[in-house]
């Protein structure tokens, strides 16, 4: 079993959001995202996996493929379908974990 304290020793990018892989193998990925106020993650998608987001701290505006903005904070689960375009804009310091299925190039 692997145990990780998600809110310990966090790193933030000065200009851009920071993404820290917590676990990567051929079965899936868990990535810790840390963003400062006014940072954004531009429109993109995960073409071969749904993208599950669990907000741990802060608040952000998440926009999915339907173009509707949702302001979400701590204890929120968001589910983006595989290939669904999405963007994220930070309102207040935002920390979330993203989960994806598979990592084709990962070593076991």
PDB file of N, CA and C in Angstrom:
ATOM      1  N   UNK A   1       0.852  -1.179   0.000  1.00  0.00           N
ATOM      2  CA  UNK A   1       0.000   0.000   0.000  1.00  0.00           C
ATOM      3  C   UNK A   1       0.895   1.239   0.000  1.00  0.00           C
ATOM      4  N   UNK A   2       0.484   2.231  -0.746  1.00  0.00           N
ATOM      5  CA  UNK A   2       1.180   3.503  -0.793  1.00  0.00           C
ATOM      6  C   UNK A   2       0.286   4.557  -0.138  1.00  0.00           C
ATOM      7  N   UNK A   3       0.851   5.382   0.725  1.00  0.00           N
ATOM      8  CA  UNK A   3       0.092   6.423   1.418  1.00  0.00           C
ATOM      9  C   UNK A   3       0.724   7.775   1.112  1.00  0.00           C
ATOM     10  N   UNK A   4      -0.112   8.758   0.757  1.00  0.00           N
ATOM     11  CA  UNK A   4       0.378  10.095   0.420  1.00  0.00           C
ATOM     12  C   UNK A   4      -0.444  11.141   1.152  1.00  0.00           C
ATOM     13  N   UNK A   5       0.229  12.070   1.828  1.00  0.00           N
ATOM     14  CA  UNK A   5      -0.424  13.212   2.450  1.00  0.00           C
ATOM     15  C   UNK A   5      -0.572  14.268   1.360  1.00  0.00           C
ATOM     16  N   UNK A   6      -1.778  14.472   0.868  1.00  0.00           N
ATOM     17  CA  UNK A   6      -2.008  15.307  -0.301  1.00  0.00           C
ATOM     18  C   UNK A   6      -1.756  16.796  -0.075  1.00  0.00           C
ATOM     19  N   UNK A   7      -1.845  17.260   1.140  1.00  0.00           N
ATOM     20  CA  UNK A   7      -1.681  18.693   1.391  1.00  0.00           C
ATOM     21  C   UNK A   7      -0.350  19.036   2.052  1.00  0.00           C
ATOM     22  N   UNK A   8       0.620  18.114   1.972  1.00  0.00           N
ATOM     23  CA  UNK A   8       1.931  18.344   2.588  1.00  0.00           C
ATOM     24  C   UNK A   8       2.962  18.641   1.496  1.00  0.00           C
ATOM     25  N   UNK A   9       3.799  19.639   1.746  1.00  0.00           N
ATOM     26  CA  UNK A   9       4.905  19.990   0.850  1.00  0.00           C
ATOM     27  C   UNK A   9       4.448  20.281  -0.577  1.00  0.00           C
ATOM     28  N   UNK A  10       3.381  21.040  -0.716  1.00  0.00           N
ATOM     29  CA  UNK A  10       2.868  21.379  -2.041  1.00  0.00           C
ATOM     30  C   UNK A  10       3.771  22.382  -2.739  1.00  0.00           C
ATOM     31  N   UNK A  11       3.858  22.257  -4.049  1.00  0.00           N
ATOM     32  CA  UNK A  11       4.631  23.180  -4.879  1.00  0.00           C
ATOM     33  C   UNK A  11       3.660  23.924  -5.785  1.00  0.00           C
ATOM     34  N   UNK A  12       3.908  25.221  -5.938  1.00  0.00           N
ATOM     35  CA  UNK A  12       3.109  26.056  -6.833  1.00  0.00           C
ATOM     36  C   UNK A  12       4.033  26.668  -7.866  1.00  0.00           C
ATOM     37  N   UNK A  13       3.571  26.745  -9.102  1.00  0.00           N
ATOM     38  CA  UNK A  13       4.337  27.414 -10.138  1.00  0.00           C
ATOM     39  C   UNK A  13       4.156  28.915 -10.032  1.00  0.00           C
ATOM     40  N   UNK A  14       5.222  29.680 -10.279  1.00  0.00           N
ATOM     41  CA  UNK A  14       5.118  31.129 -10.209  1.00  0.00           C
ATOM     42  C   UNK A  14       4.217  31.683 -11.306  1.00  0.00           C
ATOM     43  N   UNK A  15       4.378  31.164 -12.506  1.00  0.00           N
ATOM     44  CA  UNK A  15       3.621  31.670 -13.647  1.00  0.00           C
ATOM     45  C   UNK A  15       2.502  30.727 -14.064  1.00  0.00           C
ATOM     46  N   UNK A  16       2.804  29.438 -14.090  1.00  0.00           N
ATOM     47  CA  UNK A  16       1.861  28.436 -14.580  1.00  0.00           C
ATOM     48  C   UNK A  16       1.444  27.479 -13.476  1.00  0.00           C
ATOM     49  N   UNK A  17       0.309  26.801 -13.666  1.00  0.00           N
ATOM     50  CA  UNK A  17      -0.109  25.781 -12.701  1.00  0.00           C
ATOM     51  C   UNK A  17       0.948  24.689 -12.561  1.00  0.00           C
ATOM     52  N   UNK A  18       0.961  24.033 -11.416  1.00  0.00           N
ATOM     53  CA  UNK A  18       1.909  22.936 -11.173  1.00  0.00           C
ATOM     54  C   UNK A  18       1.138  21.623 -11.128  1.00  0.00           C
ATOM     55  N   UNK A  19       1.674  20.610 -11.806  1.00  0.00           N
ATOM     56  CA  UNK A  19       1.073  19.277 -11.803  1.00  0.00           C
ATOM     57  C   UNK A  19       2.126  18.288 -11.328  1.00  0.00           C
ATOM     58  N   UNK A  20       1.819  17.599 -10.242  1.00  0.00           N
ATOM     59  CA  UNK A  20       2.752  16.659  -9.612  1.00  0.00           C
ATOM     60  C   UNK A  20       2.183  15.235  -9.702  1.00  0.00           C
ATOM     61  N   UNK A  21       2.786  14.370 -10.515  1.00  0.00           N
ATOM     62  CA  UNK A  21       2.294  12.988 -10.558  1.00  0.00           C
ATOM     63  C   UNK A  21       2.464  12.324  -9.188  1.00  0.00           C
ATOM     64  N   UNK A  22       1.389  11.778  -8.671  1.00  0.00           N
ATOM     65  CA  UNK A  22       1.425  11.083  -7.385  1.00  0.00           C
ATOM     66  C   UNK A  22       1.602   9.591  -7.592  1.00  0.00           C
ATOM     67  N   UNK A  23       1.011   9.096  -8.669  1.00  0.00           N
ATOM     68  CA  UNK A  23       1.086   7.668  -8.990  1.00  0.00           C
ATOM     69  C   UNK A  23       0.858   7.511 -10.487  1.00  0.00           C
ATOM     70  N   UNK A  24       1.727   6.751 -11.132  1.00  0.00           N
ATOM     71  CA  UNK A  24       1.577   6.481 -12.560  1.00  0.00           C
ATOM     72  C   UNK A  24       1.959   5.032 -12.815  1.00  0.00           C
ATOM     73  N   UNK A  25       1.044   4.279 -13.415  1.00  0.00           N
ATOM     74  CA  UNK A  25       1.366   2.944 -13.911  1.00  0.00           C
ATOM     75  C   UNK A  25       0.454   2.668 -15.101  1.00  0.00           C
ATOM     76  N   UNK A  26       0.532   1.484 -15.662  1.00  0.00           N
ATOM     77  CA  UNK A  26      -0.254   1.176 -16.858  1.00  0.00           C
ATOM     78  C   UNK A  26      -1.755   1.169 -16.593  1.00  0.00           C
ATOM     79  N   UNK A  27      -2.162   1.082 -15.336  1.00  0.00           N
ATOM     80  CA  UNK A  27      -3.582   1.059 -14.987  1.00  0.00           C
ATOM     81  C   UNK A  27      -4.193   2.447 -14.855  1.00  0.00           C
ATOM     82  N   UNK A  28      -3.384   3.437 -14.472  1.00  0.00           N
ATOM     83  CA  UNK A  28      -3.946   4.765 -14.307  1.00  0.00           C
ATOM     84  C   UNK A  28      -2.971   5.761 -13.722  1.00  0.00           C
ATOM     85  N   UNK A  29      -3.466   6.985 -13.579  1.00  0.00           N
ATOM     86  CA  UNK A  29      -2.651   8.083 -13.065  1.00  0.00           C
ATOM     87  C   UNK A  29      -3.434   8.882 -12.038  1.00  0.00           C
ATOM     88  N   UNK A  30      -2.724   9.355 -11.022  1.00  0.00           N
ATOM     89  CA  UNK A  30      -3.256  10.311 -10.053  1.00  0.00           C
ATOM     90  C   UNK A  30      -2.282  11.482 -10.050  1.00  0.00           C
ATOM     91  N   UNK A  31      -2.804  12.684 -10.293  1.00  0.00           N
ATOM     92  CA  UNK A  31      -1.959  13.873 -10.427  1.00  0.00           C
ATOM     93  C   UNK A  31      -2.488  14.954  -9.499  1.00  0.00           C
ATOM     94  N   UNK A  32      -1.592  15.545  -8.705  1.00  0.00           N
ATOM     95  CA  UNK A  32      -1.953  16.645  -7.815  1.00  0.00           C
ATOM     96  C   UNK A  32      -1.708  17.964  -8.541  1.00  0.00           C
ATOM     97  N   UNK A  33      -2.745  18.767  -8.670  1.00  0.00           N
ATOM     98  CA  UNK A  33      -2.656  20.062  -9.331  1.00  0.00           C
ATOM     99  C   UNK A  33      -2.727  21.167  -8.282  1.00  0.00           C
ATOM    100  N   UNK A  34      -1.815  22.133  -8.364  1.00  0.00           N
ATOM    101  CA  UNK A  34      -1.813  23.281  -7.463  1.00  0.00           C
ATOM    102  C   UNK A  34      -1.754  24.545  -8.322  1.00  0.00           C
ATOM    103  N   UNK A  35      -2.689  25.448  -8.067  1.00  0.00           N
ATOM    104  CA  UNK A  35      -2.794  26.661  -8.861  1.00  0.00           C
ATOM    105  C   UNK A  35      -2.982  27.874  -7.964  1.00  0.00           C
ATOM    106  N   UNK A  36      -2.329  28.961  -8.326  1.00  0.00           N
ATOM    107  CA  UNK A  36      -2.479  30.230  -7.628  1.00  0.00           C
ATOM    108  C   UNK A  36      -3.659  31.005  -8.218  1.00  0.00           C
ATOM    109  N   UNK A  37      -4.163  31.991  -7.468  1.00  0.00           N
ATOM    110  CA  UNK A  37      -5.260  32.811  -7.985  1.00  0.00           C
ATOM    111  C   UNK A  37      -4.922  33.386  -9.359  1.00  0.00           C
ATOM    112  N   UNK A  38      -5.926  33.401 -10.220  1.00  0.00           N
ATOM    113  CA  UNK A  38      -5.858  33.931 -11.586  1.00  0.00           C
ATOM    114  C   UNK A  38      -5.088  33.041 -12.567  1.00  0.00           C
ATOM    115  N   UNK A  39      -4.540  31.904 -12.116  1.00  0.00           N
ATOM    116  CA  UNK A  39      -3.944  30.972 -13.076  1.00  0.00           C
ATOM    117  C   UNK A  39      -5.072  30.197 -13.756  1.00  0.00           C
ATOM    118  N   UNK A  40      -4.765  29.679 -14.941  1.00  0.00           N
ATOM    119  CA  UNK A  40      -5.752  28.911 -15.683  1.00  0.00           C
ATOM    120  C   UNK A  40      -5.103  27.665 -16.288  1.00  0.00           C
ATOM    121  N   UNK A  41      -5.934  26.709 -16.590  1.00  0.00           N
ATOM    122  CA  UNK A  41      -5.523  25.582 -17.415  1.00  0.00           C
ATOM    123  C   UNK A  41      -6.346  25.722 -18.687  1.00  0.00           C
ATOM    124  N   UNK A  42      -5.653  25.920 -19.785  1.00  0.00           N
ATOM    125  CA  UNK A  42      -6.310  26.184 -21.067  1.00  0.00           C
ATOM    126  C   UNK A  42      -7.148  24.988 -21.517  1.00  0.00           C
ATOM    127  N   UNK A  43      -7.985  25.223 -22.494  1.00  0.00           N
ATOM    128  CA  UNK A  43      -8.858  24.170 -22.998  1.00  0.00           C
ATOM    129  C   UNK A  43      -8.037  23.004 -23.537  1.00  0.00           C
ATOM    130  N   UNK A  44      -8.416  21.816 -23.110  1.00  0.00           N
ATOM    131  CA  UNK A  44      -7.745  20.587 -23.531  1.00  0.00           C
ATOM    132  C   UNK A  44      -8.670  19.419 -23.226  1.00  0.00           C
ATOM    133  N   UNK A  45      -8.221  18.202 -23.522  1.00  0.00           N
ATOM    134  CA  UNK A  45      -9.003  17.024 -23.190  1.00  0.00           C
ATOM    135  C   UNK A  45      -8.073  15.843 -22.959  1.00  0.00           C
ATOM    136  N   UNK A  46      -8.626  14.809 -22.391  1.00  0.00           N
ATOM    137  CA  UNK A  46      -7.928  13.528 -22.237  1.00  0.00           C
ATOM    138  C   UNK A  46      -8.612  12.583 -23.227  1.00  0.00           C
ATOM    139  N   UNK A  47      -8.018  12.373 -24.396  1.00  0.00           N
ATOM    140  CA  UNK A  47      -8.719  11.672 -25.467  1.00  0.00           C
ATOM    141  C   UNK A  47      -9.076  10.212 -25.186  1.00  0.00           C
ATOM    142  N   UNK A  48      -8.301   9.532 -24.340  1.00  0.00           N
ATOM    143  CA  UNK A  48      -8.544   8.104 -24.161  1.00  0.00           C
ATOM    144  C   UNK A  48      -8.997   7.717 -22.756  1.00  0.00           C
ATOM    145  N   UNK A  49      -9.377   8.703 -21.948  1.00  0.00           N
ATOM    146  CA  UNK A  49      -9.789   8.400 -20.579  1.00  0.00           C
ATOM    147  C   UNK A  49     -10.753   9.456 -20.073  1.00  0.00           C
ATOM    148  N   UNK A  50     -11.722   9.050 -19.247  1.00  0.00           N
ATOM    149  CA  UNK A  50     -12.453  10.074 -18.504  1.00  0.00           C
ATOM    150  C   UNK A  50     -11.461  10.747 -17.547  1.00  0.00           C
ATOM    151  N   UNK A  51     -11.790  11.951 -17.112  1.00  0.00           N
ATOM    152  CA  UNK A  51     -10.931  12.691 -16.182  1.00  0.00           C
ATOM    153  C   UNK A  51     -11.779  13.002 -14.959  1.00  0.00           C
ATOM    154  N   UNK A  52     -11.388  12.413 -13.825  1.00  0.00           N
ATOM    155  CA  UNK A  52     -12.098  12.615 -12.568  1.00  0.00           C
ATOM    156  C   UNK A  52     -11.321  13.624 -11.737  1.00  0.00           C
ATOM    157  N   UNK A  53     -12.004  14.626 -11.217  1.00  0.00           N
ATOM    158  CA  UNK A  53     -11.381  15.680 -10.417  1.00  0.00           C
ATOM    159  C   UNK A  53     -12.011  15.684  -9.036  1.00  0.00           C
ATOM    160  N   UNK A  54     -11.162  15.698  -7.998  1.00  0.00           N
ATOM    161  CA  UNK A  54     -11.621  15.867  -6.624  1.00  0.00           C
ATOM    162  C   UNK A  54     -10.950  17.134  -6.090  1.00  0.00           C
ATOM    163  N   UNK A  55     -11.761  18.149  -5.802  1.00  0.00           N
ATOM    164  CA  UNK A  55     -11.239  19.413  -5.287  1.00  0.00           C
ATOM    165  C   UNK A  55     -10.976  19.252  -3.794  1.00  0.00           C
ATOM    166  N   UNK A  56      -9.733  19.532  -3.400  1.00  0.00           N
ATOM    167  CA  UNK A  56      -9.343  19.411  -1.997  1.00  0.00           C
ATOM    168  C   UNK A  56      -9.431  20.734  -1.252  1.00  0.00           C
ATOM    169  N   UNK A  57      -9.070  21.822  -1.951  1.00  0.00           N
ATOM    170  CA  UNK A  57      -8.978  23.121  -1.278  1.00  0.00           C
ATOM    171  C   UNK A  57      -9.144  24.225  -2.307  1.00  0.00           C
ATOM    172  N   UNK A  58      -9.746  25.330  -1.883  1.00  0.00           N
ATOM    173  CA  UNK A  58      -9.865  26.498  -2.746  1.00  0.00           C
ATOM    174  C   UNK A  58     -11.116  26.479  -3.582  1.00  0.00           C
ATOM    175  N   UNK A  59     -11.074  27.284  -4.648  1.00  0.00           N
ATOM    176  CA  UNK A  59     -12.242  27.436  -5.500  1.00  0.00           C
ATOM    177  C   UNK A  59     -11.803  27.745  -6.917  1.00  0.00           C
ATOM    178  N   UNK A  60     -12.491  27.119  -7.878  1.00  0.00           N
ATOM    179  CA  UNK A  60     -12.181  27.356  -9.281  1.00  0.00           C
ATOM    180  C   UNK A  60     -13.429  27.290 -10.123  1.00  0.00           C
ATOM    181  N   UNK A  61     -13.318  27.820 -11.332  1.00  0.00           N
ATOM    182  CA  UNK A  61     -14.404  27.770 -12.293  1.00  0.00           C
ATOM    183  C   UNK A  61     -14.027  26.712 -13.327  1.00  0.00           C
ATOM    184  N   UNK A  62     -14.815  25.655 -13.384  1.00  0.00           N
ATOM    185  CA  UNK A  62     -14.579  24.536 -14.285  1.00  0.00           C
ATOM    186  C   UNK A  62     -15.613  24.600 -15.404  1.00  0.00           C
ATOM    187  N   UNK A  63     -15.146  24.497 -16.630  1.00  0.00           N
ATOM    188  CA  UNK A  63     -16.034  24.525 -17.785  1.00  0.00           C
ATOM    189  C   UNK A  63     -15.828  23.261 -18.583  1.00  0.00           C
ATOM    190  N   UNK A  64     -16.918  22.547 -18.861  1.00  0.00           N
ATOM    191  CA  UNK A  64     -16.849  21.311 -19.624  1.00  0.00           C
ATOM    192  C   UNK A  64     -17.225  21.535 -21.077  1.00  0.00           C
ATOM    193  N   UNK A  65     -17.459  20.453 -21.774  1.00  0.00           N
ATOM    194  CA  UNK A  65     -17.758  20.490 -23.192  1.00  0.00           C
ATOM    195  C   UNK A  65     -19.032  21.229 -23.546  1.00  0.00           C
ATOM    196  N   UNK A  66     -19.940  21.384 -22.591  1.00  0.00           N
ATOM    197  CA  UNK A  66     -21.192  22.098 -22.855  1.00  0.00           C
ATOM    198  C   UNK A  66     -21.038  23.618 -22.734  1.00  0.00           C
ATOM    199  N   UNK A  67     -19.836  24.073 -22.295  1.00  0.00           N
ATOM    200  CA  UNK A  67     -19.575  25.504 -22.180  1.00  0.00           C
ATOM    201  C   UNK A  67     -20.129  26.154 -20.927  1.00  0.00           C
ATOM    202  N   UNK A  68     -20.788  25.398 -20.067  1.00  0.00           N
ATOM    203  CA  UNK A  68     -21.369  25.953 -18.843  1.00  0.00           C
ATOM    204  C   UNK A  68     -20.305  25.994 -17.749  1.00  0.00           C
ATOM    205  N   UNK A  69     -20.165  27.152 -17.097  1.00  0.00           N
ATOM    206  CA  UNK A  69     -19.195  27.325 -16.019  1.00  0.00           C
ATOM    207  C   UNK A  69     -19.806  26.873 -14.696  1.00  0.00           C
ATOM    208  N   UNK A  70     -19.001  26.131 -13.919  1.00  0.00           N
ATOM    209  CA  UNK A  70     -19.412  25.695 -12.584  1.00  0.00           C
ATOM    210  C   UNK A  70     -18.336  26.136 -11.606  1.00  0.00           C
ATOM    211  N   UNK A  71     -18.710  26.957 -10.632  1.00  0.00           N
ATOM    212  CA  UNK A  71     -17.781  27.349  -9.581  1.00  0.00           C
ATOM    213  C   UNK A  71     -17.814  26.267  -8.516  1.00  0.00           C
ATOM    214  N   UNK A  72     -16.653  25.632  -8.296  1.00  0.00           N
ATOM    215  CA  UNK A  72     -16.585  24.478  -7.398  1.00  0.00           C
ATOM    216  C   UNK A  72     -15.503  24.681  -6.353  1.00  0.00           C
ATOM    217  N   UNK A  73     -15.763  24.161  -5.159  1.00  0.00           N
ATOM    218  CA  UNK A  73     -14.805  24.249  -4.068  1.00  0.00           C
ATOM    219  C   UNK A  73     -14.551  22.893  -3.452  1.00  0.00           C
ATOM    220  N   UNK A  74     -13.985  22.920  -2.269  1.00  0.00           N
ATOM    221  CA  UNK A  74     -13.602  21.705  -1.550  1.00  0.00           C
ATOM    222  C   UNK A  74     -14.724  20.672  -1.523  1.00  0.00           C
ATOM    223  N   UNK A  75     -14.307  19.416  -1.567  1.00  0.00           N
ATOM    224  CA  UNK A  75     -15.210  18.271  -1.464  1.00  0.00           C
ATOM    225  C   UNK A  75     -16.142  18.114  -2.660  1.00  0.00           C
ATOM    226  N   UNK A  76     -15.694  18.596  -3.824  1.00  0.00           N
ATOM    227  CA  UNK A  76     -16.483  18.468  -5.041  1.00  0.00           C
ATOM    228  C   UNK A  76     -15.838  17.443  -5.963  1.00  0.00           C
ATOM    229  N   UNK A  77     -16.657  16.599  -6.569  1.00  0.00           N
ATOM    230  CA  UNK A  77     -16.211  15.645  -7.581  1.00  0.00           C
ATOM    231  C   UNK A  77     -16.742  16.105  -8.929  1.00  0.00           C
ATOM    232  N   UNK A  78     -15.843  16.192  -9.917  1.00  0.00           N
ATOM    233  CA  UNK A  78     -16.236  16.516 -11.284  1.00  0.00           C
ATOM    234  C   UNK A  78     -15.820  15.350 -12.172  1.00  0.00           C
ATOM    235  N   UNK A  79     -16.646  15.036 -13.157  1.00  0.00           N
ATOM    236  CA  UNK A  79     -16.345  13.949 -14.077  1.00  0.00           C
ATOM    237  C   UNK A  79     -16.449  14.480 -15.499  1.00  0.00           C
ATOM    238  N   UNK A  80     -15.326  14.442 -16.217  1.00  0.00           N
ATOM    239  CA  UNK A  80     -15.290  14.822 -17.623  1.00  0.00           C
ATOM    240  C   UNK A  80     -15.182  13.538 -18.442  1.00  0.00           C
ATOM    241  N   UNK A  81     -16.010  13.409 -19.468  1.00  0.00           N
ATOM    242  CA  UNK A  81     -15.959  12.237 -20.333  1.00  0.00           C
ATOM    243  C   UNK A  81     -14.650  12.204 -21.118  1.00  0.00           C
ATOM    244  N   UNK A  82     -14.260  11.022 -21.571  1.00  0.00           N
ATOM    245  CA  UNK A  82     -13.083  10.903 -22.434  1.00  0.00           C
ATOM    246  C   UNK A  82     -13.286  11.800 -23.648  1.00  0.00           C
ATOM    247  N   UNK A  83     -12.276  12.589 -23.959  1.00  0.00           N
ATOM    248  CA  UNK A  83     -12.335  13.490 -25.106  1.00  0.00           C
ATOM    249  C   UNK A  83     -13.092  14.783 -24.868  1.00  0.00           C
ATOM    250  N   UNK A  84     -13.686  14.964 -23.688  1.00  0.00           N
ATOM    251  CA  UNK A  84     -14.447  16.191 -23.416  1.00  0.00           C
ATOM    252  C   UNK A  84     -13.506  17.369 -23.173  1.00  0.00           C
ATOM    253  N   UNK A  85     -13.693  18.426 -23.943  1.00  0.00           N
ATOM    254  CA  UNK A  85     -12.907  19.647 -23.749  1.00  0.00           C
ATOM    255  C   UNK A  85     -13.263  20.246 -22.387  1.00  0.00           C
ATOM    256  N   UNK A  86     -12.251  20.764 -21.681  1.00  0.00           N
ATOM    257  CA  UNK A  86     -12.508  21.423 -20.402  1.00  0.00           C
ATOM    258  C   UNK A  86     -11.426  22.461 -20.115  1.00  0.00           C
ATOM    259  N   UNK A  87     -11.803  23.465 -19.317  1.00  0.00           N
ATOM    260  CA  UNK A  87     -10.887  24.509 -18.881  1.00  0.00           C
ATOM    261  C   UNK A  87     -11.082  24.731 -17.384  1.00  0.00           C
ATOM    262  N   UNK A  88     -10.061  25.327 -16.766  1.00  0.00           N
ATOM    263  CA  UNK A  88     -10.128  25.622 -15.341  1.00  0.00           C
ATOM    264  C   UNK A  88      -9.545  27.011 -15.108  1.00  0.00           C
ATOM    265  N   UNK A  89     -10.274  27.830 -14.347  1.00  0.00           N
ATOM    266  CA  UNK A  89      -9.824  29.161 -13.959  1.00  0.00           C
ATOM    267  C   UNK A  89      -9.907  29.256 -12.444  1.00  0.00           C
ATOM    268  N   UNK A  90      -8.845  29.711 -11.826  1.00  0.00           N
ATOM    269  CA  UNK A  90      -8.778  29.758 -10.355  1.00  0.00           C
ATOM    270  C   UNK A  90      -9.415  31.033  -9.821  1.00  0.00           C
ATOM    271  N   UNK A  91     -10.216  30.865  -8.780  1.00  0.00           N
ATOM    272  CA  UNK A  91     -10.791  31.993  -8.055  1.00  0.00           C
ATOM    273  C   UNK A  91      -9.938  32.270  -6.821  1.00  0.00           C
ATOM    274  N   UNK A  92      -9.706  31.229  -6.019  1.00  0.00           N
ATOM    275  CA  UNK A  92      -8.797  31.327  -4.882  1.00  0.00           C
ATOM    276  C   UNK A  92      -7.911  30.088  -4.914  1.00  0.00           C
ATOM    277  N   UNK A  93      -6.714  30.196  -4.372  1.00  0.00           N
ATOM    278  CA  UNK A  93      -5.742  29.099  -4.425  1.00  0.00           C
ATOM    279  C   UNK A  93      -6.446  27.745  -4.501  1.00  0.00           C
ATOM    280  N   UNK A  94      -6.155  26.988  -5.552  1.00  0.00           N
ATOM    281  CA  UNK A  94      -6.898  25.768  -5.859  1.00  0.00           C
ATOM    282  C   UNK A  94      -5.980  24.560  -5.837  1.00  0.00           C
ATOM    283  N   UNK A  95      -6.433  23.523  -5.136  1.00  0.00           N
ATOM    284  CA  UNK A  95      -5.693  22.260  -5.069  1.00  0.00           C
ATOM    285  C   UNK A  95      -6.683  21.139  -5.371  1.00  0.00           C
ATOM    286  N   UNK A  96      -6.346  20.329  -6.378  1.00  0.00           N
ATOM    287  CA  UNK A  96      -7.214  19.199  -6.697  1.00  0.00           C
ATOM    288  C   UNK A  96      -6.391  18.025  -7.196  1.00  0.00           C
ATOM    289  N   UNK A  97      -6.998  16.843  -7.110  1.00  0.00           N
ATOM    290  CA  UNK A  97      -6.374  15.631  -7.642  1.00  0.00           C
ATOM    291  C   UNK A  97      -7.175  15.208  -8.858  1.00  0.00           C
ATOM    292  N   UNK A  98      -6.446  14.888  -9.930  1.00  0.00           N
ATOM    293  CA  UNK A  98      -7.072  14.374 -11.136  1.00  0.00           C
ATOM    294  C   UNK A  98      -6.707  12.914 -11.324  1.00  0.00           C
ATOM    295  N   UNK A  99      -7.679  12.112 -11.735  1.00  0.00           N
ATOM    296  CA  UNK A  99      -7.469  10.683 -11.951  1.00  0.00           C
ATOM    297  C   UNK A  99      -7.825  10.336 -13.389  1.00  0.00           C
ATOM    298  N   UNK A 100      -6.961   9.545 -14.033  1.00  0.00           N
ATOM    299  CA  UNK A 100      -7.191   9.086 -15.396  1.00  0.00           C
ATOM    300  C   UNK A 100      -6.943   7.594 -15.480  1.00  0.00           C
ATOM    301  N   UNK A 101      -7.629   6.945 -16.404  1.00  0.00           N
ATOM    302  CA  UNK A 101      -7.400   5.521 -16.661  1.00  0.00           C
ATOM    303  C   UNK A 101      -6.156   5.362 -17.510  1.00  0.00           C
ATOM    304  N   UNK A 102      -5.352   4.380 -17.203  1.00  0.00           N
ATOM    305  CA  UNK A 102      -4.224   4.003 -18.047  1.00  0.00           C
ATOM    306  C   UNK A 102      -3.160   5.073 -18.185  1.00  0.00           C
ATOM    307  N   UNK A 103      -1.988   4.607 -18.536  1.00  0.00           N
ATOM    308  CA  UNK A 103      -0.843   5.452 -18.869  1.00  0.00           C
ATOM    309  C   UNK A 103      -0.006   4.590 -19.815  1.00  0.00           C
ATOM    310  N   UNK A 104      -0.317   4.622 -21.088  1.00  0.00           N
ATOM    311  CA  UNK A 104       0.284   3.687 -22.047  1.00  0.00           C
ATOM    312  C   UNK A 104       1.808   3.602 -22.020  1.00  0.00           C
ATOM    313  N   UNK A 105       2.480   4.690 -21.706  1.00  0.00           N
ATOM    314  CA  UNK A 105       3.948   4.682 -21.729  1.00  0.00           C
ATOM    315  C   UNK A 105       4.571   4.418 -20.363  1.00  0.00           C
ATOM    316  N   UNK A 106       3.741   4.202 -19.353  1.00  0.00           N
ATOM    317  CA  UNK A 106       4.255   3.998 -17.986  1.00  0.00           C
ATOM    318  C   UNK A 106       4.901   2.625 -17.840  1.00  0.00           C
ATOM    319  N   UNK A 107       5.931   2.573 -17.017  1.00  0.00           N
ATOM    320  CA  UNK A 107       6.579   1.315 -16.670  1.00  0.00           C
ATOM    321  C   UNK A 107       5.912   0.761 -15.424  1.00  0.00           C
ATOM    322  N   UNK A 108       5.752  -0.526 -15.367  1.00  0.00           N
ATOM    323  CA  UNK A 108       5.186  -1.148 -14.159  1.00  0.00           C
ATOM    324  C   UNK A 108       6.250  -1.317 -13.114  1.00  0.00           C
TER     325      UNK A 108
END
